[in-house]
């Protein structure tokens, strides 16, 4: 290198090779950073679109049409009814009776499932390894049992003639499925039995992630087990409890198999009907597919409203979800 070129560069300097370091470590463009996650999510979104979005679209479309067995068989043309099916549905007193029964029954199932699941999750942290393993296996067995099988087993246990429960309790030939409230109670017990393992396992995993020092400090301060759960564990497990609550609401609000199997399609004179079974009767037993679809849309909107309302309430309380 000549003296002139060295002077031009200056002492202690060298010519850049391959660009500056700042240019090599420059952040990627914003649109590329935001596009990458969607590329990874695209396959799952396509599957969900086919399995969820299109059926919901068809459900909503049929609810605005006159769609009975005559239209299915091609005997009569399909006609647009607008909100006529919804007006027919909302003017039916039976719909409001079934809706009220569904809300009360689902609420009782959700509360019972959360109480049993959370209590057993705390119990798992207090027992030794062998009892813990036995309880986990028993709970997972109940969780893995198909709903039809579990409902049939519970019917046999509470059978009026051969069930062992009546013999143990000395109830004779008492029929649990004859009365409205006893039938709902029997179904509630079966729903809680097959649903609490999800809550138990999820909450137990959350408790195990809580630092042991926090629980030890609360115990040293003289807090009881109930106070530790209410003031320490429950606030720290709020995101997990939110997930299991919303999941339980969705599951219990749309219960079908347990009611249909254990009450014979809705009980005597429909006294144990819930919205899912009511929609099935309207759509398939009466061939009023448009009314059944309208009931399905109403159920979807109710679940969306409950979920969004619950999440909004938590956001107002300052919870990060």
Foldseek 3Di string as FASTA:
>chain_A
DDPVVDVVQNPPGDDDDPDDPCVVPPDDDPVVVVVVVCVVCVVVVVVCCVVPVVVLVVLVVLLQKQFFPCCVVPVDPIDGRGCPLVVVQVVDPVNVVQAVLLVVLLVVLLVLLLVVQLVVLVVLVVDDDVVNVVVLVQLVVLQPDDPLVLLVVLCQCQAQDRHVVCVVVVVHSDDQLQDLVSLSVSLSVSSSSNQNSVSNVLLNVLVVPPDPVVVVVCVVVPDDPVCCCVPPSCVSCVVSVLVSSLVSSVDSSQDDNNCCNNQVLQHDVNSRHHLNSVLCCCCPVVRRVSSSSVSVVVSVVVSVVVSVVVVVVVVVVVDDD
